[in-house]
Amino acid sequence: MSANGTKGTEPKSSSEKKNHNKYRREKPWDNENIDHWKIEEWKPEYMKSTMLEESSFATLFPKYREQYLREVWGQVTKALKKVGISCELNLIEGSMTVRTTRKTTDPYVILKARDLIKLLARSIPVEKAIQILDDGT
């Protein structure tokens, strides 16, 4: 037992510090020249063939949004057609559906289309909601 009544070794002096970085090695991605937050633009030549499976998402919208959605659905269809996504507005069920087509080249664009219809269902203006399809934002 030590003088203060505890078992074990004496406390280390302040000059002996633990080396927590003892096993840390330099990683190739720990370079200051790399911008980790940069979003690279998707190019159609990255994907050699079409997608094997069809993906689709549907979102319900409130009854009061029906008239507005009917007015702007042409803009939505045109914007989604540019990226290879088909869309459907079902006024009877009160739902919007987006799905991939054979012309879809970007696999992530279906998730952007899903977010687009969610924004439209939550009363975001169509001009702002379509901006989600741009890679820059």
C-alpha atoms as a PDB file:
ATOM      1  CA  MET A   1       0.000   0.000   0.000  1.00  0.00           C
ATOM      2  CA  SER A   2       1.174   3.477  -0.763  1.00  0.00           C
ATOM      3  CA  ALA A   3       1.301   6.359   1.658  1.00  0.00           C
ATOM      4  CA  ASN A   4      -2.186   7.583   0.721  1.00  0.00           C
ATOM      5  CA  GLY A   5      -3.751   4.152   1.308  1.00  0.00           C
ATOM      6  CA  THR A   6      -4.327   3.016  -2.297  1.00  0.00           C
ATOM      7  CA  LYS A   7      -2.978  -0.060  -4.008  1.00  0.00           C
ATOM      8  CA  GLY A   8      -0.900   0.079  -7.146  1.00  0.00           C
ATOM      9  CA  THR A   9       1.875   2.169  -8.500  1.00  0.00           C
ATOM     10  CA  GLU A  10       2.695   5.684  -7.623  1.00  0.00           C
ATOM     11  CA  PRO A  11       1.046   8.411  -9.749  1.00  0.00           C
ATOM     12  CA  LYS A  12       2.953   9.353 -12.892  1.00  0.00           C
ATOM     13  CA  SER A  13       4.693  12.656 -12.969  1.00  0.00           C
ATOM     14  CA  SER A  14       3.282  15.438 -15.112  1.00  0.00           C
ATOM     15  CA  SER A  15       6.185  15.113 -17.553  1.00  0.00           C
ATOM     16  CA  GLU A  16       5.009  11.611 -18.579  1.00  0.00           C
ATOM     17  CA  LYS A  17       1.925  12.156 -20.766  1.00  0.00           C
ATOM     18  CA  LYS A  18      -0.025   9.502 -22.609  1.00  0.00           C
ATOM     19  CA  ASN A  19       0.496   9.444 -26.336  1.00  0.00           C
ATOM     20  CA  HIS A  20      -3.054   9.105 -27.707  1.00  0.00           C
ATOM     21  CA  ASN A  21      -1.805   9.495 -31.273  1.00  0.00           C
ATOM     22  CA  LYS A  22       0.625   6.604 -30.947  1.00  0.00           C
ATOM     23  CA  TYR A  23      -1.171   4.412 -33.493  1.00  0.00           C
ATOM     24  CA  ARG A  24      -2.490   7.206 -35.724  1.00  0.00           C
ATOM     25  CA  ARG A  25      -1.107   6.991 -39.234  1.00  0.00           C
ATOM     26  CA  GLU A  26      -1.442   9.535 -41.993  1.00  0.00           C
ATOM     27  CA  LYS A  27      -4.348   8.747 -44.304  1.00  0.00           C
ATOM     28  CA  PRO A  28      -4.385   9.589 -48.022  1.00  0.00           C
ATOM     29  CA  TRP A  29      -7.618  11.562 -47.554  1.00  0.00           C
ATOM     30  CA  ASP A  30      -6.115  13.698 -44.744  1.00  0.00           C
ATOM     31  CA  ASN A  31      -4.688  16.050 -47.324  1.00  0.00           C
ATOM     32  CA  GLU A  32      -5.345  19.782 -47.016  1.00  0.00           C
ATOM     33  CA  ASN A  33      -5.679  20.094 -50.820  1.00  0.00           C
ATOM     34  CA  ILE A  34      -8.796  17.884 -50.974  1.00  0.00           C
ATOM     35  CA  ASP A  35     -12.205  19.550 -50.698  1.00  0.00           C
ATOM     36  CA  HIS A  36     -14.298  16.923 -48.916  1.00  0.00           C
ATOM     37  CA  TRP A  37     -17.532  18.912 -49.265  1.00  0.00           C
ATOM     38  CA  LYS A  38     -17.414  19.372 -53.038  1.00  0.00           C
ATOM     39  CA  ILE A  39     -20.285  17.644 -54.845  1.00  0.00           C
ATOM     40  CA  GLU A  40     -19.138  16.356 -58.191  1.00  0.00           C
ATOM     41  CA  GLU A  41     -21.494  16.619 -61.138  1.00  0.00           C
ATOM     42  CA  TRP A  42     -22.976  13.359 -62.430  1.00  0.00           C
ATOM     43  CA  LYS A  43     -22.238  12.576 -66.059  1.00  0.00           C
ATOM     44  CA  PRO A  44     -24.272  10.060 -68.096  1.00  0.00           C
ATOM     45  CA  GLU A  45     -21.126   8.259 -69.241  1.00  0.00           C
ATOM     46  CA  TYR A  46     -20.509   7.119 -65.631  1.00  0.00           C
ATOM     47  CA  MET A  47     -23.266   4.545 -66.076  1.00  0.00           C
ATOM     48  CA  LYS A  48     -22.633   2.054 -68.866  1.00  0.00           C
ATOM     49  CA  SER A  49     -26.164   0.599 -69.127  1.00  0.00           C
ATOM     50  CA  THR A  50     -29.692   1.284 -67.940  1.00  0.00           C
ATOM     51  CA  MET A  51     -30.937   0.396 -64.475  1.00  0.00           C
ATOM     52  CA  LEU A  52     -32.079  -3.165 -63.920  1.00  0.00           C
ATOM     53  CA  GLU A  53     -34.948  -2.408 -61.538  1.00  0.00           C
ATOM     54  CA  GLU A  54     -37.636   0.253 -61.495  1.00  0.00           C
ATOM     55  CA  SER A  55     -37.765   2.434 -58.397  1.00  0.00           C
ATOM     56  CA  SER A  56     -40.801   4.464 -57.467  1.00  0.00           C
ATOM     57  CA  PHE A  57     -41.962   6.694 -54.633  1.00  0.00           C
ATOM     58  CA  ALA A  58     -45.409   8.045 -53.848  1.00  0.00           C
ATOM     59  CA  THR A  59     -46.494  10.889 -51.587  1.00  0.00           C
ATOM     60  CA  LEU A  60     -49.959  11.911 -50.467  1.00  0.00           C
ATOM     61  CA  PHE A  61     -50.949  15.563 -50.581  1.00  0.00           C
ATOM     62  CA  PRO A  62     -53.724  17.497 -48.813  1.00  0.00           C
ATOM     63  CA  LYS A  63     -56.949  18.315 -50.600  1.00  0.00           C
ATOM     64  CA  TYR A  64     -56.292  22.078 -50.584  1.00  0.00           C
ATOM     65  CA  ARG A  65     -53.101  21.547 -52.683  1.00  0.00           C
ATOM     66  CA  GLU A  66     -55.016  19.814 -55.499  1.00  0.00           C
ATOM     67  CA  GLN A  67     -55.832  22.920 -57.538  1.00  0.00           C
ATOM     68  CA  TYR A  68     -52.292  24.313 -57.342  1.00  0.00           C
ATOM     69  CA  LEU A  69     -50.732  20.958 -58.259  1.00  0.00           C
ATOM     70  CA  ARG A  70     -53.055  20.630 -61.242  1.00  0.00           C
ATOM     71  CA  GLU A  71     -51.894  24.055 -62.479  1.00  0.00           C
ATOM     72  CA  VAL A  72     -48.141  23.415 -62.132  1.00  0.00           C
ATOM     73  CA  TRP A  73     -48.024  19.699 -62.991  1.00  0.00           C
ATOM     74  CA  GLY A  74     -46.898  20.477 -66.549  1.00  0.00           C
ATOM     75  CA  GLN A  75     -43.781  22.239 -65.217  1.00  0.00           C
ATOM     76  CA  VAL A  76     -43.059  19.333 -62.870  1.00  0.00           C
ATOM     77  CA  THR A  77     -43.437  16.786 -65.674  1.00  0.00           C
ATOM     78  CA  LYS A  78     -41.158  18.763 -67.984  1.00  0.00           C
ATOM     79  CA  ALA A  79     -38.434  19.132 -65.321  1.00  0.00           C
ATOM     80  CA  LEU A  80     -38.551  15.444 -64.389  1.00  0.00           C
ATOM     81  CA  LYS A  81     -38.587  14.310 -68.023  1.00  0.00           C
ATOM     82  CA  LYS A  82     -35.236  16.087 -68.555  1.00  0.00           C
ATOM     83  CA  VAL A  83     -33.615  13.815 -65.943  1.00  0.00           C
ATOM     84  CA  GLY A  84     -35.376  10.633 -67.089  1.00  0.00           C
ATOM     85  CA  ILE A  85     -38.079  10.336 -64.421  1.00  0.00           C
ATOM     86  CA  SER A  86     -41.773   9.759 -65.099  1.00  0.00           C
ATOM     87  CA  CYS A  87     -44.385  11.223 -62.788  1.00  0.00           C
ATOM     88  CA  GLU A  88     -48.070  10.745 -62.151  1.00  0.00           C
ATOM     89  CA  LEU A  89     -50.645  12.895 -60.377  1.00  0.00           C
ATOM     90  CA  ASN A  90     -53.580  10.897 -59.020  1.00  0.00           C
ATOM     91  CA  LEU A  91     -56.328  13.298 -57.962  1.00  0.00           C
ATOM     92  CA  ILE A  92     -58.705  10.533 -56.864  1.00  0.00           C
ATOM     93  CA  GLU A  93     -56.292   9.108 -54.261  1.00  0.00           C
ATOM     94  CA  GLY A  94     -54.596  12.457 -53.646  1.00  0.00           C
ATOM     95  CA  SER A  95     -51.114  11.134 -54.423  1.00  0.00           C
ATOM     96  CA  MET A  96     -48.085  11.965 -56.544  1.00  0.00           C
ATOM     97  CA  THR A  97     -45.820   9.197 -57.849  1.00  0.00           C
ATOM     98  CA  VAL A  98     -42.348   9.341 -59.421  1.00  0.00           C
ATOM     99  CA  ARG A  99     -40.551   6.378 -61.016  1.00  0.00           C
ATOM    100  CA  THR A 100     -37.413   5.657 -62.983  1.00  0.00           C
ATOM    101  CA  THR A 101     -37.501   4.957 -66.713  1.00  0.00           C
ATOM    102  CA  ARG A 102     -35.068   3.370 -69.153  1.00  0.00           C
ATOM    103  CA  LYS A 103     -33.730   6.860 -69.888  1.00  0.00           C
ATOM    104  CA  THR A 104     -32.692   7.430 -66.255  1.00  0.00           C
ATOM    105  CA  THR A 105     -28.892   7.638 -66.094  1.00  0.00           C
ATOM    106  CA  ASP A 106     -28.292   9.112 -62.616  1.00  0.00           C
ATOM    107  CA  PRO A 107     -29.185   6.593 -59.890  1.00  0.00           C
ATOM    108  CA  TYR A 108     -29.516   9.330 -57.243  1.00  0.00           C
ATOM    109  CA  VAL A 109     -32.027  11.416 -59.204  1.00  0.00           C
ATOM    110  CA  ILE A 110     -34.950   9.252 -58.043  1.00  0.00           C
ATOM    111  CA  LEU A 111     -34.270  10.380 -54.470  1.00  0.00           C
ATOM    112  CA  LYS A 112     -34.199  13.995 -55.619  1.00  0.00           C
ATOM    113  CA  ALA A 113     -37.532  13.417 -57.399  1.00  0.00           C
ATOM    114  CA  ARG A 114     -38.955  11.913 -54.196  1.00  0.00           C
ATOM    115  CA  ASP A 115     -37.877  15.013 -52.291  1.00  0.00           C
ATOM    116  CA  LEU A 116     -39.403  17.196 -55.010  1.00  0.00           C
ATOM    117  CA  ILE A 117     -42.877  15.697 -54.605  1.00  0.00           C
ATOM    118  CA  LYS A 118     -42.569  15.868 -50.814  1.00  0.00           C
ATOM    119  CA  LEU A 119     -41.789  19.583 -51.072  1.00  0.00           C
ATOM    120  CA  LEU A 120     -44.758  20.138 -53.379  1.00  0.00           C
ATOM    121  CA  ALA A 121     -47.027  18.316 -50.919  1.00  0.00           C
ATOM    122  CA  ARG A 122     -45.786  20.610 -48.136  1.00  0.00           C
ATOM    123  CA  SER A 123     -46.738  23.848 -49.927  1.00  0.00           C
ATOM    124  CA  ILE A 124     -43.316  24.819 -51.332  1.00  0.00           C
ATOM    125  CA  PRO A 125     -43.688  26.796 -54.605  1.00  0.00           C
ATOM    126  CA  VAL A 126     -42.838  24.774 -57.725  1.00  0.00           C
ATOM    127  CA  GLU A 127     -40.011  27.144 -58.765  1.00  0.00           C
ATOM    128  CA  LYS A 128     -38.186  26.527 -55.472  1.00  0.00           C
ATOM    129  CA  ALA A 129     -38.969  22.796 -55.361  1.00  0.00           C
ATOM    130  CA  ILE A 130     -37.581  22.155 -58.867  1.00  0.00           C
ATOM    131  CA  GLN A 131     -34.240  23.626 -57.765  1.00  0.00           C
ATOM    132  CA  ILE A 132     -33.632  20.407 -55.801  1.00  0.00           C
ATOM    133  CA  LEU A 133     -32.960  18.635 -59.116  1.00  0.00           C
ATOM    134  CA  ASP A 134     -29.905  20.842 -59.773  1.00  0.00           C
ATOM    135  CA  ASP A 135     -26.554  19.394 -58.706  1.00  0.00           C
ATOM    136  CA  GLY A 136     -25.291  22.796 -57.608  1.00  0.00           C
ATOM    137  CA  THR A 137     -27.729  23.081 -54.705  1.00  0.00           C
END
